[in-house]
Amino acid sequence: MLADLWDAVPEPLRDPVALAVPFFVLFVAVEGLAAYLLEDERPEEQRRAADGRAMPLPGGYSRPDALASITMGAVSVATMTAWKSLGLLGYAVLFAYVAPWQLPADAWWTWALAILGVDFTFYWAHRVAHRVRVVWATHQAHHSSEYFNFATALRQKWNNAHELVFWAPLPVLGVPPALVFLGFSVSLVYQFFVHTEHVGTLWRPVELVFNTPSHHRVHHGSDPEYLDRNYGGILIVWDRLFGSFQPELHRPTYGLTTPVGTTNVLRLQTHEYAAIARDVRRAPTLREKLGYVFGPPGWRPAVPDPHSVQTG
């Protein structure tokens, strides 16, 4: 039955992300209109931080910020297609010549296994993206907005090569390559809807199992208690199992710990690569060069304690 339904969909539209694009546009437009109409309801003094800096309204929009996000999303459709085409070739080889068995593509449980497998590997790929600087360089653009809304969900990376590596075990285990990419598309569509401040906490069993707007707001927070938490895509159970879960305690401060201060999409996508190159060039030792590339974001070599006493 699933195969019949899938065959009935025109070939160009078989990517769930392509099918969802009109809905993405609609939700961004509705949320943006609501933010515009409600913009003046909050007193001016409540819109500023303690240091006097203007703070984005909850659920608010900035036109330059939203346009940057939408532009990055549009470009990512093309770049992701290129990376997925490359990955498909490798996955086809693994599926045909390495996998000890090949799961049936028309079985519902293969589809379910593909989506679950992608979600599990996405958790680890996402966690690595926050803990390895050279991979963080590909992902940080998604966290660069100080707003949290449906447009922010479209602020996607242009290089998802490392995700292809993390999905590779799935075709090795016999999951058809097309279903690997289907699972990723389902995850991407699901995650669009958790980028909003207009939804509070949901029914407790849902919050216990699934990634929700509340959980994902934490993930986008730059507050110390929120950093590197809630990596889950569809399911939040991975964070609960592997010790990276953090409940929402207060409204997060969105964006990077060191704001980029631009809406130039090229700089948003590439500034961290440039920073890595500068650090590597200045590092005096190979160990420090490797640390700047493969250490966590913000890594710096240890500074010797001048008060320590060395004995012969």
C-alpha atoms as a PDB file:
ATOM      1  CA  MET A   1       0.000   0.000   0.000  1.00  0.00           C
ATOM      2  CA  LEU A   2       2.779   2.436   0.890  1.00  0.00           C
ATOM      3  CA  ALA A   3       4.582   1.568  -2.315  1.00  0.00           C
ATOM      4  CA  ASP A   4       1.418   2.207  -4.358  1.00  0.00           C
ATOM      5  CA  LEU A   5       0.937   5.603  -2.737  1.00  0.00           C
ATOM      6  CA  TRP A   6       4.582   6.447  -3.305  1.00  0.00           C
ATOM      7  CA  ASP A   7       4.385   5.444  -6.992  1.00  0.00           C
ATOM      8  CA  ALA A   8       1.359   7.711  -7.434  1.00  0.00           C
ATOM      9  CA  VAL A   9       3.415  10.784  -6.466  1.00  0.00           C
ATOM     10  CA  PRO A  10       5.121  12.498  -9.430  1.00  0.00           C
ATOM     11  CA  GLU A  11       8.884  11.898  -9.423  1.00  0.00           C
ATOM     12  CA  PRO A  12       9.884  15.570  -8.846  1.00  0.00           C
ATOM     13  CA  LEU A  13       7.660  15.743  -5.775  1.00  0.00           C
ATOM     14  CA  ARG A  14       8.761  12.582  -3.995  1.00  0.00           C
ATOM     15  CA  ASP A  15      10.942  14.519  -1.588  1.00  0.00           C
ATOM     16  CA  PRO A  16       8.748  15.405   1.434  1.00  0.00           C
ATOM     17  CA  VAL A  17      10.695  18.652   1.820  1.00  0.00           C
ATOM     18  CA  ALA A  18       9.625  19.722  -1.689  1.00  0.00           C
ATOM     19  CA  LEU A  19       6.024  18.866  -0.845  1.00  0.00           C
ATOM     20  CA  ALA A  20       6.260  20.863   2.372  1.00  0.00           C
ATOM     21  CA  VAL A  21       7.764  24.045   0.891  1.00  0.00           C
ATOM     22  CA  PRO A  22       4.384  25.742   0.207  1.00  0.00           C
ATOM     23  CA  PHE A  23       3.392  25.047   3.816  1.00  0.00           C
ATOM     24  CA  PHE A  24       6.710  26.443   5.066  1.00  0.00           C
ATOM     25  CA  VAL A  25       6.032  29.655   3.151  1.00  0.00           C
ATOM     26  CA  LEU A  26       2.464  29.832   4.473  1.00  0.00           C
ATOM     27  CA  PHE A  27       3.495  29.337   8.109  1.00  0.00           C
ATOM     28  CA  VAL A  28       6.302  31.897   7.857  1.00  0.00           C
ATOM     29  CA  ALA A  29       3.873  34.414   6.337  1.00  0.00           C
ATOM     30  CA  VAL A  30       1.183  33.843   8.972  1.00  0.00           C
ATOM     31  CA  GLU A  31       3.623  33.977  11.881  1.00  0.00           C
ATOM     32  CA  GLY A  32       5.321  37.067  10.441  1.00  0.00           C
ATOM     33  CA  LEU A  33       1.977  38.834  10.005  1.00  0.00           C
ATOM     34  CA  ALA A  34       0.971  37.959  13.567  1.00  0.00           C
ATOM     35  CA  ALA A  35       4.296  39.287  14.866  1.00  0.00           C
ATOM     36  CA  TYR A  36       3.792  42.539  12.929  1.00  0.00           C
ATOM     37  CA  LEU A  37       0.254  43.044  14.226  1.00  0.00           C
ATOM     38  CA  LEU A  38       1.225  42.337  17.843  1.00  0.00           C
ATOM     39  CA  GLU A  39       4.527  44.234  17.778  1.00  0.00           C
ATOM     40  CA  ASP A  40       3.330  47.283  19.711  1.00  0.00           C
ATOM     41  CA  GLU A  41       1.586  45.417  22.522  1.00  0.00           C
ATOM     42  CA  ARG A  42       4.704  45.054  24.666  1.00  0.00           C
ATOM     43  CA  PRO A  43       5.904  48.170  26.521  1.00  0.00           C
ATOM     44  CA  GLU A  44       9.190  49.589  25.247  1.00  0.00           C
ATOM     45  CA  GLU A  45      10.926  49.223  28.618  1.00  0.00           C
ATOM     46  CA  GLN A  46      10.210  45.473  28.563  1.00  0.00           C
ATOM     47  CA  ARG A  47      11.893  45.116  25.174  1.00  0.00           C
ATOM     48  CA  ARG A  48      15.368  45.885  26.478  1.00  0.00           C
ATOM     49  CA  ALA A  49      17.932  43.886  28.391  1.00  0.00           C
ATOM     50  CA  ALA A  50      19.504  45.179  31.599  1.00  0.00           C
ATOM     51  CA  ASP A  51      22.312  46.759  29.569  1.00  0.00           C
ATOM     52  CA  GLY A  52      19.815  48.703  27.455  1.00  0.00           C
ATOM     53  CA  ARG A  53      20.270  46.500  24.392  1.00  0.00           C
ATOM     54  CA  ALA A  54      17.118  45.977  22.354  1.00  0.00           C
ATOM     55  CA  MET A  55      15.795  42.440  22.713  1.00  0.00           C
ATOM     56  CA  PRO A  56      13.834  40.606  20.021  1.00  0.00           C
ATOM     57  CA  LEU A  57      10.172  40.215  20.873  1.00  0.00           C
ATOM     58  CA  PRO A  58       8.983  36.667  21.644  1.00  0.00           C
ATOM     59  CA  GLY A  59       7.899  35.238  18.326  1.00  0.00           C
ATOM     60  CA  GLY A  60       9.009  38.452  16.634  1.00  0.00           C
ATOM     61  CA  TYR A  61      10.512  38.955  13.202  1.00  0.00           C
ATOM     62  CA  SER A  62      13.224  41.166  11.798  1.00  0.00           C
ATOM     63  CA  ARG A  63      12.894  41.598   8.043  1.00  0.00           C
ATOM     64  CA  PRO A  64      16.669  41.467   7.319  1.00  0.00           C
ATOM     65  CA  ASP A  65      17.087  38.495   9.648  1.00  0.00           C
ATOM     66  CA  ALA A  66      14.154  36.614   8.098  1.00  0.00           C
ATOM     67  CA  LEU A  67      15.329  37.354   4.547  1.00  0.00           C
ATOM     68  CA  ALA A  68      18.787  36.034   5.426  1.00  0.00           C
ATOM     69  CA  SER A  69      17.235  32.854   6.818  1.00  0.00           C
ATOM     70  CA  ILE A  70      15.018  32.325   3.776  1.00  0.00           C
ATOM     71  CA  THR A  71      17.933  32.950   1.396  1.00  0.00           C
ATOM     72  CA  MET A  72      20.107  30.422   3.222  1.00  0.00           C
ATOM     73  CA  GLY A  73      17.264  27.937   3.067  1.00  0.00           C
ATOM     74  CA  ALA A  74      16.818  28.415  -0.666  1.00  0.00           C
ATOM     75  CA  VAL A  75      20.527  27.900  -1.344  1.00  0.00           C
ATOM     76  CA  SER A  76      20.598  24.871   0.962  1.00  0.00           C
ATOM     77  CA  VAL A  77      18.005  23.129  -1.241  1.00  0.00           C
ATOM     78  CA  ALA A  78      20.516  23.140  -4.089  1.00  0.00           C
ATOM     79  CA  THR A  79      23.588  22.293  -2.010  1.00  0.00           C
ATOM     80  CA  MET A  80      21.773  19.545  -0.128  1.00  0.00           C
ATOM     81  CA  THR A  81      20.631  18.021  -3.422  1.00  0.00           C
ATOM     82  CA  ALA A  82      24.248  17.914  -4.585  1.00  0.00           C
ATOM     83  CA  TRP A  83      25.474  16.302  -1.364  1.00  0.00           C
ATOM     84  CA  LYS A  84      22.608  13.802  -1.351  1.00  0.00           C
ATOM     85  CA  SER A  85      23.313  12.848  -4.975  1.00  0.00           C
ATOM     86  CA  LEU A  86      26.926  12.143  -4.011  1.00  0.00           C
ATOM     87  CA  GLY A  87      25.816  10.214  -0.952  1.00  0.00           C
ATOM     88  CA  LEU A  88      23.366   8.161  -2.988  1.00  0.00           C
ATOM     89  CA  LEU A  89      26.190   6.766  -5.085  1.00  0.00           C
ATOM     90  CA  GLY A  90      28.125   5.642  -2.017  1.00  0.00           C
ATOM     91  CA  TYR A  91      25.035   4.271  -0.292  1.00  0.00           C
ATOM     92  CA  ALA A  92      24.071   2.289  -3.404  1.00  0.00           C
ATOM     93  CA  VAL A  93      27.470   0.569  -3.333  1.00  0.00           C
ATOM     94  CA  LEU A  94      27.166  -0.183   0.389  1.00  0.00           C
ATOM     95  CA  PHE A  95      23.605  -1.467  -0.020  1.00  0.00           C
ATOM     96  CA  ALA A  96      24.411  -3.649  -3.024  1.00  0.00           C
ATOM     97  CA  TYR A  97      27.835  -5.047  -2.089  1.00  0.00           C
ATOM     98  CA  VAL A  98      28.340  -4.681   1.673  1.00  0.00           C
ATOM     99  CA  ALA A  99      24.950  -5.142   3.355  1.00  0.00           C
ATOM    100  CA  PRO A 100      24.484  -8.766   4.477  1.00  0.00           C
ATOM    101  CA  TRP A 101      20.776  -8.476   3.637  1.00  0.00           C
ATOM    102  CA  GLN A 102      18.498  -6.006   1.868  1.00  0.00           C
ATOM    103  CA  LEU A 103      15.316  -4.945   3.614  1.00  0.00           C
ATOM    104  CA  PRO A 104      12.156  -4.723   1.479  1.00  0.00           C
ATOM    105  CA  ALA A 105      11.445  -1.158   0.372  1.00  0.00           C
ATOM    106  CA  ASP A 106       7.676  -1.776   0.273  1.00  0.00           C
ATOM    107  CA  ALA A 107       7.346  -2.922   3.911  1.00  0.00           C
ATOM    108  CA  TRP A 108       5.960  -0.438   6.431  1.00  0.00           C
ATOM    109  CA  TRP A 109       8.420  -1.591   9.059  1.00  0.00           C
ATOM    110  CA  THR A 110      11.362  -0.795   6.755  1.00  0.00           C
ATOM    111  CA  TRP A 111      10.032   2.761   6.449  1.00  0.00           C
ATOM    112  CA  ALA A 112       9.642   2.960  10.237  1.00  0.00           C
ATOM    113  CA  LEU A 113      13.137   1.545  10.756  1.00  0.00           C
ATOM    114  CA  ALA A 114      14.577   4.050   8.280  1.00  0.00           C
ATOM    115  CA  ILE A 115      12.958   7.015  10.032  1.00  0.00           C
ATOM    116  CA  LEU A 116      13.983   5.739  13.483  1.00  0.00           C
ATOM    117  CA  GLY A 117      17.517   4.969  12.283  1.00  0.00           C
ATOM    118  CA  VAL A 118      17.927   8.385  10.719  1.00  0.00           C
ATOM    119  CA  ASP A 119      16.660  10.032  13.888  1.00  0.00           C
ATOM    120  CA  PHE A 120      19.145   8.092  16.036  1.00  0.00           C
ATOM    121  CA  THR A 121      22.098   8.862  13.768  1.00  0.00           C
ATOM    122  CA  PHE A 122      20.928  12.490  13.455  1.00  0.00           C
ATOM    123  CA  TYR A 123      21.208  12.830  17.230  1.00  0.00           C
ATOM    124  CA  TRP A 124      24.884  11.805  17.129  1.00  0.00           C
ATOM    125  CA  ALA A 125      25.666  13.838  14.019  1.00  0.00           C
ATOM    126  CA  HIS A 126      24.061  16.862  15.670  1.00  0.00           C
ATOM    127  CA  ARG A 127      25.968  16.282  18.897  1.00  0.00           C
ATOM    128  CA  VAL A 128      29.273  16.041  17.027  1.00  0.00           C
ATOM    129  CA  ALA A 129      28.385  19.240  15.148  1.00  0.00           C
ATOM    130  CA  HIS A 130      28.314  21.062  18.489  1.00  0.00           C
ATOM    131  CA  ARG A 131      31.462  19.464  19.914  1.00  0.00           C
ATOM    132  CA  VAL A 132      33.910  19.396  16.972  1.00  0.00           C
ATOM    133  CA  ARG A 133      34.801  22.847  15.743  1.00  0.00           C
ATOM    134  CA  VAL A 134      35.358  22.074  12.060  1.00  0.00           C
ATOM    135  CA  VAL A 135      31.904  20.462  11.963  1.00  0.00           C
ATOM    136  CA  TRP A 136      30.437  23.279  14.061  1.00  0.00           C
ATOM    137  CA  ALA A 137      31.609  25.605  11.280  1.00  0.00           C
ATOM    138  CA  THR A 138      29.060  23.952   8.983  1.00  0.00           C
ATOM    139  CA  HIS A 139      26.234  24.128  11.533  1.00  0.00           C
ATOM    140  CA  GLN A 140      26.702  27.416  13.406  1.00  0.00           C
ATOM    141  CA  ALA A 141      24.860  29.459  10.760  1.00  0.00           C
ATOM    142  CA  HIS A 142      21.624  27.793  11.863  1.00  0.00           C
ATOM    143  CA  HIS A 143      22.192  29.138  15.384  1.00  0.00           C
ATOM    144  CA  SER A 144      23.254  32.626  14.340  1.00  0.00           C
ATOM    145  CA  SER A 145      19.822  34.265  14.467  1.00  0.00           C
ATOM    146  CA  GLU A 146      18.806  36.086  17.640  1.00  0.00           C
ATOM    147  CA  TYR A 147      15.190  35.363  16.714  1.00  0.00           C
ATOM    148  CA  PHE A 148      13.396  32.043  17.054  1.00  0.00           C
ATOM    149  CA  ASN A 149      10.599  31.593  14.547  1.00  0.00           C
ATOM    150  CA  PHE A 150       9.626  29.565  11.500  1.00  0.00           C
ATOM    151  CA  ALA A 151      11.985  31.604   9.318  1.00  0.00           C
ATOM    152  CA  THR A 152      14.855  30.575  11.601  1.00  0.00           C
ATOM    153  CA  ALA A 153      14.049  26.947  10.759  1.00  0.00           C
ATOM    154  CA  LEU A 154      14.954  27.708   7.135  1.00  0.00           C
ATOM    155  CA  ARG A 155      18.410  29.051   8.118  1.00  0.00           C
ATOM    156  CA  GLN A 156      20.103  25.833   7.055  1.00  0.00           C
ATOM    157  CA  LYS A 157      23.746  24.880   6.493  1.00  0.00           C
ATOM    158  CA  TRP A 158      25.143  24.519   2.979  1.00  0.00           C
ATOM    159  CA  ASN A 159      27.453  21.624   3.822  1.00  0.00           C
ATOM    160  CA  ASN A 160      25.923  18.496   5.333  1.00  0.00           C
ATOM    161  CA  ALA A 161      28.740  16.144   4.317  1.00  0.00           C
ATOM    162  CA  HIS A 162      29.310  14.905   7.865  1.00  0.00           C
ATOM    163  CA  GLU A 163      25.681  13.739   8.109  1.00  0.00           C
ATOM    164  CA  LEU A 164      26.262  11.437   5.142  1.00  0.00           C
ATOM    165  CA  VAL A 165      28.956   9.697   7.175  1.00  0.00           C
ATOM    166  CA  PHE A 166      26.628   9.188  10.127  1.00  0.00           C
ATOM    167  CA  TRP A 167      23.834   7.783   7.930  1.00  0.00           C
ATOM    168  CA  ALA A 168      26.197   5.304   6.231  1.00  0.00           C
ATOM    169  CA  PRO A 169      25.524   2.465   8.735  1.00  0.00           C
ATOM    170  CA  LEU A 170      21.895   2.376   7.582  1.00  0.00           C
ATOM    171  CA  PRO A 171      22.512   1.118   4.009  1.00  0.00           C
ATOM    172  CA  VAL A 172      25.179  -1.209   5.466  1.00  0.00           C
ATOM    173  CA  LEU A 173      22.372  -2.686   7.597  1.00  0.00           C
ATOM    174  CA  GLY A 174      20.190  -3.134   4.514  1.00  0.00           C
ATOM    175  CA  VAL A 175      18.037   0.010   4.559  1.00  0.00           C
ATOM    176  CA  PRO A 176      17.376   1.059   0.935  1.00  0.00           C
ATOM    177  CA  PRO A 177      19.268   4.301   0.191  1.00  0.00           C
ATOM    178  CA  ALA A 178      16.131   6.109  -0.992  1.00  0.00           C
ATOM    179  CA  LEU A 179      14.499   5.459   2.375  1.00  0.00           C
ATOM    180  CA  VAL A 180      17.521   6.879   4.210  1.00  0.00           C
ATOM    181  CA  PHE A 181      16.951  10.188   2.455  1.00  0.00           C
ATOM    182  CA  LEU A 182      13.202   9.895   2.983  1.00  0.00           C
ATOM    183  CA  GLY A 183      13.829   9.552   6.715  1.00  0.00           C
ATOM    184  CA  PHE A 184      16.011  12.660   6.709  1.00  0.00           C
ATOM    185  CA  SER A 185      13.356  14.634   4.819  1.00  0.00           C
ATOM    186  CA  VAL A 186      10.684  13.580   7.308  1.00  0.00           C
ATOM    187  CA  SER A 187      12.967  14.712  10.139  1.00  0.00           C
ATOM    188  CA  LEU A 188      13.626  18.044   8.435  1.00  0.00           C
ATOM    189  CA  VAL A 189       9.915  18.714   7.923  1.00  0.00           C
ATOM    190  CA  TYR A 190       9.132  17.777  11.524  1.00  0.00           C
ATOM    191  CA  GLN A 191      11.836  20.050  12.882  1.00  0.00           C
ATOM    192  CA  PHE A 192      10.495  23.061  10.981  1.00  0.00           C
ATOM    193  CA  PHE A 193       7.497  23.093  13.306  1.00  0.00           C
ATOM    194  CA  VAL A 194       9.498  23.107  16.550  1.00  0.00           C
ATOM    195  CA  HIS A 195      11.018  26.504  15.688  1.00  0.00           C
ATOM    196  CA  THR A 196       8.402  28.702  17.313  1.00  0.00           C
ATOM    197  CA  GLU A 197       7.738  30.633  20.499  1.00  0.00           C
ATOM    198  CA  HIS A 198       3.977  30.552  19.944  1.00  0.00           C
ATOM    199  CA  VAL A 199       3.625  27.031  21.376  1.00  0.00           C
ATOM    200  CA  GLY A 200       4.244  26.445  25.068  1.00  0.00           C
ATOM    201  CA  THR A 201       4.700  23.030  26.632  1.00  0.00           C
ATOM    202  CA  LEU A 202       2.570  20.195  25.288  1.00  0.00           C
ATOM    203  CA  TRP A 203       0.876  17.204  26.942  1.00  0.00           C
ATOM    204  CA  ARG A 204       3.425  15.636  29.273  1.00  0.00           C
ATOM    205  CA  PRO A 205       3.702  12.247  27.453  1.00  0.00           C
ATOM    206  CA  VAL A 206       4.437  14.158  24.223  1.00  0.00           C
ATOM    207  CA  GLU A 207       7.102  16.258  25.957  1.00  0.00           C
ATOM    208  CA  LEU A 208       8.580  13.058  27.407  1.00  0.00           C
ATOM    209  CA  VAL A 209       9.079  11.334  24.043  1.00  0.00           C
ATOM    210  CA  PHE A 210       9.171  13.904  21.247  1.00  0.00           C
ATOM    211  CA  ASN A 211      11.219  16.965  20.446  1.00  0.00           C
ATOM    212  CA  THR A 212       8.900  19.928  20.978  1.00  0.00           C
ATOM    213  CA  PRO A 213       9.118  23.720  20.621  1.00  0.00           C
ATOM    214  CA  SER A 214       9.948  23.962  24.332  1.00  0.00           C
ATOM    215  CA  HIS A 215      12.827  21.485  24.022  1.00  0.00           C
ATOM    216  CA  HIS A 216      14.164  23.072  20.856  1.00  0.00           C
ATOM    217  CA  ARG A 217      14.045  26.598  22.254  1.00  0.00           C
ATOM    218  CA  VAL A 218      16.535  25.364  24.838  1.00  0.00           C
ATOM    219  CA  HIS A 219      18.760  24.023  22.067  1.00  0.00           C
ATOM    220  CA  HIS A 220      18.918  27.455  20.424  1.00  0.00           C
ATOM    221  CA  GLY A 221      19.694  29.250  23.677  1.00  0.00           C
ATOM    222  CA  SER A 222      23.150  30.719  24.290  1.00  0.00           C
ATOM    223  CA  ASP A 223      22.632  30.812  28.061  1.00  0.00           C
ATOM    224  CA  PRO A 224      25.225  28.710  29.953  1.00  0.00           C
ATOM    225  CA  GLU A 225      22.603  26.289  31.272  1.00  0.00           C
ATOM    226  CA  TYR A 226      21.247  25.734  27.755  1.00  0.00           C
ATOM    227  CA  LEU A 227      24.471  25.300  25.761  1.00  0.00           C
ATOM    228  CA  ASP A 228      24.931  21.959  23.973  1.00  0.00           C
ATOM    229  CA  ARG A 229      21.612  20.482  25.059  1.00  0.00           C
ATOM    230  CA  ASN A 230      18.604  18.834  23.383  1.00  0.00           C
ATOM    231  CA  TYR A 231      20.137  17.554  20.146  1.00  0.00           C
ATOM    232  CA  GLY A 232      17.159  15.355  19.195  1.00  0.00           C
ATOM    233  CA  GLY A 233      15.449  15.719  15.836  1.00  0.00           C
ATOM    234  CA  ILE A 234      12.059  13.981  16.129  1.00  0.00           C
ATOM    235  CA  LEU A 235      12.566  12.165  19.428  1.00  0.00           C
ATOM    236  CA  ILE A 236      13.888  13.718  22.634  1.00  0.00           C
ATOM    237  CA  VAL A 237      14.375  10.281  24.203  1.00  0.00           C
ATOM    238  CA  TRP A 238      17.942  10.160  22.854  1.00  0.00           C
ATOM    239  CA  ASP A 239      18.830  13.213  24.953  1.00  0.00           C
ATOM    240  CA  ARG A 240      17.211  11.668  28.002  1.00  0.00           C
ATOM    241  CA  LEU A 241      19.113   8.409  27.456  1.00  0.00           C
ATOM    242  CA  PHE A 242      22.520   9.958  26.751  1.00  0.00           C
ATOM    243  CA  GLY A 243      22.546  12.750  29.314  1.00  0.00           C
ATOM    244  CA  SER A 244      22.114  15.831  27.125  1.00  0.00           C
ATOM    245  CA  PHE A 245      18.534  16.771  28.080  1.00  0.00           C
ATOM    246  CA  GLN A 246      17.699  20.149  29.613  1.00  0.00           C
ATOM    247  CA  PRO A 247      14.148  21.355  30.345  1.00  0.00           C
ATOM    248  CA  GLU A 248      13.158  24.920  29.542  1.00  0.00           C
ATOM    249  CA  LEU A 249      13.548  27.010  32.688  1.00  0.00           C
ATOM    250  CA  HIS A 250      13.161  30.507  31.225  1.00  0.00           C
ATOM    251  CA  ARG A 251      13.003  32.196  27.834  1.00  0.00           C
ATOM    252  CA  PRO A 252      16.370  31.570  26.157  1.00  0.00           C
ATOM    253  CA  THR A 253      18.722  34.183  24.799  1.00  0.00           C
ATOM    254  CA  TYR A 254      18.924  33.115  21.186  1.00  0.00           C
ATOM    255  CA  GLY A 255      21.949  33.243  18.910  1.00  0.00           C
ATOM    256  CA  LEU A 256      25.645  32.505  19.194  1.00  0.00           C
ATOM    257  CA  THR A 257      27.618  33.181  22.372  1.00  0.00           C
ATOM    258  CA  THR A 258      29.620  35.655  20.266  1.00  0.00           C
ATOM    259  CA  PRO A 259      27.147  37.280  17.856  1.00  0.00           C
ATOM    260  CA  VAL A 260      28.271  37.632  14.254  1.00  0.00           C
ATOM    261  CA  GLY A 261      26.456  40.953  13.887  1.00  0.00           C
ATOM    262  CA  THR A 262      25.561  40.602  10.205  1.00  0.00           C
ATOM    263  CA  THR A 263      22.828  39.363   7.905  1.00  0.00           C
ATOM    264  CA  ASN A 264      25.247  38.773   5.028  1.00  0.00           C
ATOM    265  CA  VAL A 265      24.555  35.156   4.160  1.00  0.00           C
ATOM    266  CA  LEU A 266      28.063  34.425   2.854  1.00  0.00           C
ATOM    267  CA  ARG A 267      29.661  35.685   6.037  1.00  0.00           C
ATOM    268  CA  LEU A 268      27.128  33.819   8.177  1.00  0.00           C
ATOM    269  CA  GLN A 269      28.034  30.581   6.417  1.00  0.00           C
ATOM    270  CA  THR A 270      31.808  31.049   6.255  1.00  0.00           C
ATOM    271  CA  HIS A 271      33.001  33.223   9.167  1.00  0.00           C
ATOM    272  CA  GLU A 272      33.805  30.238  11.401  1.00  0.00           C
ATOM    273  CA  TYR A 273      35.917  28.604   8.689  1.00  0.00           C
ATOM    274  CA  ALA A 274      37.869  31.866   8.444  1.00  0.00           C
ATOM    275  CA  ALA A 275      38.296  31.972  12.231  1.00  0.00           C
ATOM    276  CA  ILE A 276      39.613  28.393  12.246  1.00  0.00           C
ATOM    277  CA  ALA A 277      42.098  29.255   9.498  1.00  0.00           C
ATOM    278  CA  ARG A 278      43.356  32.274  11.476  1.00  0.00           C
ATOM    279  CA  ASP A 279      43.778  30.231  14.659  1.00  0.00           C
ATOM    280  CA  VAL A 280      45.580  27.418  12.849  1.00  0.00           C
ATOM    281  CA  ARG A 281      47.913  29.855  11.107  1.00  0.00           C
ATOM    282  CA  ARG A 282      48.883  31.473  14.409  1.00  0.00           C
ATOM    283  CA  ALA A 283      49.241  28.238  16.406  1.00  0.00           C
ATOM    284  CA  PRO A 284      52.915  27.417  17.047  1.00  0.00           C
ATOM    285  CA  THR A 285      52.585  23.630  17.419  1.00  0.00           C
ATOM    286  CA  LEU A 286      50.874  20.819  15.531  1.00  0.00           C
ATOM    287  CA  ARG A 287      48.965  19.845  18.665  1.00  0.00           C
ATOM    288  CA  GLU A 288      47.483  23.327  18.965  1.00  0.00           C
ATOM    289  CA  LYS A 289      46.651  23.433  15.247  1.00  0.00           C
ATOM    290  CA  LEU A 290      44.757  20.148  15.589  1.00  0.00           C
ATOM    291  CA  GLY A 291      43.055  21.422  18.728  1.00  0.00           C
ATOM    292  CA  TYR A 292      41.710  24.467  16.897  1.00  0.00           C
ATOM    293  CA  VAL A 293      40.299  22.236  14.150  1.00  0.00           C
ATOM    294  CA  PHE A 294      39.009  19.185  16.015  1.00  0.00           C
ATOM    295  CA  GLY A 295      38.547  20.511  19.543  1.00  0.00           C
ATOM    296  CA  PRO A 296      35.205  21.883  20.722  1.00  0.00           C
ATOM    297  CA  PRO A 297      34.167  25.414  19.740  1.00  0.00           C
ATOM    298  CA  GLY A 298      35.995  27.905  21.948  1.00  0.00           C
ATOM    299  CA  TRP A 299      38.908  25.514  22.579  1.00  0.00           C
ATOM    300  CA  ARG A 300      42.148  27.190  23.606  1.00  0.00           C
ATOM    301  CA  PRO A 301      45.480  25.641  24.691  1.00  0.00           C
ATOM    302  CA  ALA A 302      45.993  25.432  28.420  1.00  0.00           C
ATOM    303  CA  VAL A 303      47.926  28.338  29.905  1.00  0.00           C
ATOM    304  CA  PRO A 304      50.604  27.231  32.410  1.00  0.00           C
ATOM    305  CA  ASP A 305      50.051  28.457  35.951  1.00  0.00           C
ATOM    306  CA  PRO A 306      52.858  30.956  36.660  1.00  0.00           C
ATOM    307  CA  HIS A 307      52.579  30.178  40.376  1.00  0.00           C
ATOM    308  CA  SER A 308      53.104  26.446  39.983  1.00  0.00           C
ATOM    309  CA  VAL A 309      56.398  25.139  41.384  1.00  0.00           C
ATOM    310  CA  GLN A 310      58.360  22.666  39.326  1.00  0.00           C
ATOM    311  CA  THR A 311      60.798  20.384  41.069  1.00  0.00           C
ATOM    312  CA  GLY A 312      63.671  18.553  39.536  1.00  0.00           C
END
